Protein backbone atom coordinates (compact mmCIF):
# COMPACT_ATOMS: atom_id res chain seq x y z
CA MET A 1 -108.47 125.60 58.65
CA ASP A 2 -106.77 122.24 59.42
CA TRP A 3 -105.79 119.91 57.37
CA LEU A 4 -108.30 117.57 57.94
CA THR A 5 -110.59 120.30 57.00
CA PHE A 6 -108.24 120.80 54.22
CA ILE A 7 -108.02 117.14 52.97
CA ALA A 8 -112.02 117.04 53.23
CA TYR A 9 -112.37 120.12 50.73
CA LEU A 10 -110.08 119.09 48.43
CA THR A 11 -111.47 115.86 48.32
CA LYS A 12 -114.71 117.02 47.39
CA SER A 13 -113.82 119.15 44.67
CA LEU A 14 -111.83 116.58 42.66
CA VAL A 15 -114.09 113.30 43.41
CA TRP A 16 -116.20 114.45 40.11
CA PRO A 17 -113.47 114.93 37.72
CA ILE A 18 -112.02 112.05 38.23
CA VAL A 19 -115.68 110.12 38.36
CA VAL A 20 -115.64 111.38 34.79
CA ILE A 21 -112.40 110.79 33.43
CA VAL A 22 -113.22 106.55 35.03
CA GLY A 23 -116.13 106.70 33.02
CA ILE A 24 -114.61 108.14 29.67
CA VAL A 25 -112.54 105.60 30.24
CA VAL A 26 -114.24 102.75 30.99
CA PHE A 27 -117.05 103.55 28.95
CA ARG A 28 -114.66 104.62 25.94
CA GLN A 29 -116.08 102.30 23.45
CA PRO A 30 -120.30 103.11 24.16
CA ILE A 31 -119.71 106.60 23.90
CA THR A 32 -117.49 106.29 20.35
CA THR A 33 -120.30 104.00 19.02
CA LEU A 34 -122.98 106.74 20.89
CA VAL A 35 -120.48 110.17 19.19
CA VAL A 36 -119.66 107.73 15.58
CA SER A 37 -123.98 107.69 15.39
CA VAL A 38 -124.78 111.62 15.73
CA LYS A 39 -126.30 112.45 12.02
CA ARG A 40 -127.51 116.09 13.69
CA LEU A 41 -126.91 118.36 16.39
CA ARG A 42 -129.27 120.85 17.70
CA TYR A 43 -128.88 124.12 20.10
CA LYS A 44 -131.47 127.22 20.28
CA ASP A 45 -130.89 128.59 16.64
CA LEU A 46 -127.70 126.81 15.63
CA GLU A 47 -128.49 122.53 13.71
CA ILE A 48 -125.57 120.63 12.27
CA GLU A 49 -126.20 117.85 10.47
CA LEU A 50 -123.40 116.00 10.55
CA VAL A 51 -122.89 113.53 7.32
CA ALA A 52 -119.95 110.96 7.96
CA PRO A 53 -117.92 110.43 4.67
CA GLU A 54 -119.09 107.48 1.47
CA GLU A 55 -118.11 104.88 0.48
CA ALA A 56 -116.88 103.93 -3.27
CA THR A 57 -120.15 103.36 -5.49
CA GLU A 58 -120.87 100.35 -7.15
CA GLN A 59 -120.54 102.52 -10.58
CA GLU A 60 -117.23 104.16 -8.83
CA THR A 61 -115.89 100.91 -8.71
CA SER A 62 -116.99 99.94 -12.62
CA ALA A 63 -114.70 103.52 -13.43
CA ILE A 64 -111.55 102.70 -11.41
CA VAL A 65 -111.39 99.09 -12.89
CA SER A 66 -112.53 100.69 -16.70
CA TYR A 67 -109.57 102.73 -16.46
CA LEU A 68 -107.60 100.02 -14.64
CA GLN A 69 -108.11 97.93 -17.60
CA ARG A 70 -105.88 99.87 -20.05
CA SER A 71 -102.83 100.63 -16.95
CA PRO A 72 -102.07 100.68 -13.86
CA HIS A 73 -102.36 104.39 -11.94
CA SER A 74 -101.45 106.53 -9.03
CA PHE A 75 -103.75 107.16 -6.05
CA GLN A 76 -102.30 111.15 -7.51
CA TRP A 77 -103.33 110.22 -11.11
CA PHE A 78 -106.76 109.75 -10.12
CA ARG A 79 -106.88 112.84 -8.63
CA GLU A 80 -105.27 114.62 -11.15
CA ASN A 81 -106.87 113.46 -14.82
CA THR A 82 -110.74 111.83 -13.09
CA ASP A 83 -113.42 113.48 -10.38
CA PHE A 84 -112.25 111.12 -7.70
CA GLN A 85 -110.57 113.47 -5.39
CA TYR A 86 -110.24 110.42 -2.67
CA THR A 87 -107.42 110.40 -0.12
CA ASP A 88 -105.02 107.88 0.07
CA ALA A 89 -106.35 106.03 2.70
CA ASP A 90 -109.82 106.41 1.03
CA PHE A 91 -108.33 103.85 -1.85
CA GLU A 92 -106.84 101.82 0.25
CA LYS A 93 -110.46 101.43 1.92
CA LEU A 94 -111.14 100.32 -1.86
CA ILE A 95 -107.87 98.28 -2.54
CA SER A 96 -108.88 95.93 1.19
CA LYS A 97 -112.45 96.22 -0.04
CA TYR A 98 -112.04 94.37 -3.49
CA PRO A 99 -108.46 92.30 -2.19
CA GLN A 100 -109.63 90.08 -5.26
CA MET A 101 -110.06 92.33 -7.40
CA LEU A 102 -107.91 95.43 -6.89
CA GLU A 103 -104.18 94.88 -5.23
CA LYS A 104 -101.55 98.00 -3.97
CA ILE A 105 -99.07 99.06 -5.54
CA THR A 106 -96.28 101.31 -5.79
CA ILE A 107 -94.96 103.35 -9.82
CA VAL A 108 -92.57 104.34 -11.07
CA SER A 109 -91.64 107.57 -13.11
CA ARG A 110 -88.90 108.56 -15.47
CA ASP A 111 -88.71 111.24 -17.46
CA GLU A 112 -87.04 110.42 -20.79
CA THR A 113 -86.22 114.83 -21.16
CA LYS A 114 -84.65 115.05 -17.69
CA ARG A 115 -82.90 111.38 -17.22
CA LYS A 116 -84.80 111.29 -13.69
CA THR A 117 -86.89 108.87 -12.68
CA GLU A 118 -90.13 109.73 -9.70
CA PRO A 119 -89.64 108.15 -6.44
CA GLY A 120 -92.47 105.49 -6.51
CA ARG A 121 -96.24 106.50 -5.98
CA PRO A 122 -99.10 104.31 -4.16
CA GLY A 123 -101.34 103.52 -6.84
CA MET A 124 -102.93 100.20 -7.44
CA ARG A 125 -104.00 98.17 -10.66
CA LEU A 126 -106.36 94.77 -11.56
CA THR A 127 -104.97 91.31 -10.08
CA GLN A 128 -104.63 88.70 -12.76
CA ASP A 129 -107.56 87.31 -12.10
CA ALA A 130 -109.59 89.87 -12.68
CA LYS A 131 -108.29 90.34 -15.55
CA GLU A 132 -108.60 87.44 -17.51
CA LYS A 133 -112.66 87.68 -15.73
CA ILE A 134 -113.42 90.85 -17.75
CA LYS A 135 -111.42 89.43 -20.77
CA ASP A 136 -113.06 86.37 -20.62
CA ALA A 137 -116.72 88.79 -19.83
CA LEU A 138 -115.72 90.89 -23.00
CA ALA A 139 -115.35 87.73 -24.88
CA ILE A 140 -118.79 85.75 -23.76
CA ARG A 141 -119.70 89.36 -24.96
CA ARG A 142 -118.88 89.77 -28.89
CA THR A 143 -119.84 86.19 -29.52
């Protein structure tokens, strides 16, 4: 085998992987959109249904607001004391979805028995405007 035959054979072997890699790089956005839009996969007897995580519904948002009317809470508090099993990222998405109503804060708690302050935990509270709107709505409702 001379060197020209070797290079021709090597090129023939490497062309299709290079074309695939270049195609993935060039069409990565349409491929990503296509993969995300797939809801169900079937192969012979195997069927997999893919479900995207749902965003918070209006009822869930209302429940979160009712908890926050009393006082600010950490994301951890919501996971431990309610049915909301959101990740911190899910709570942050909720805050970014409703910036006029919710704001992110850091909750620092103090344990008086141990005289120790726990490091800050991410949390949220109602914005001042949201508190005033709720207060006004409750005042109108009572009259």
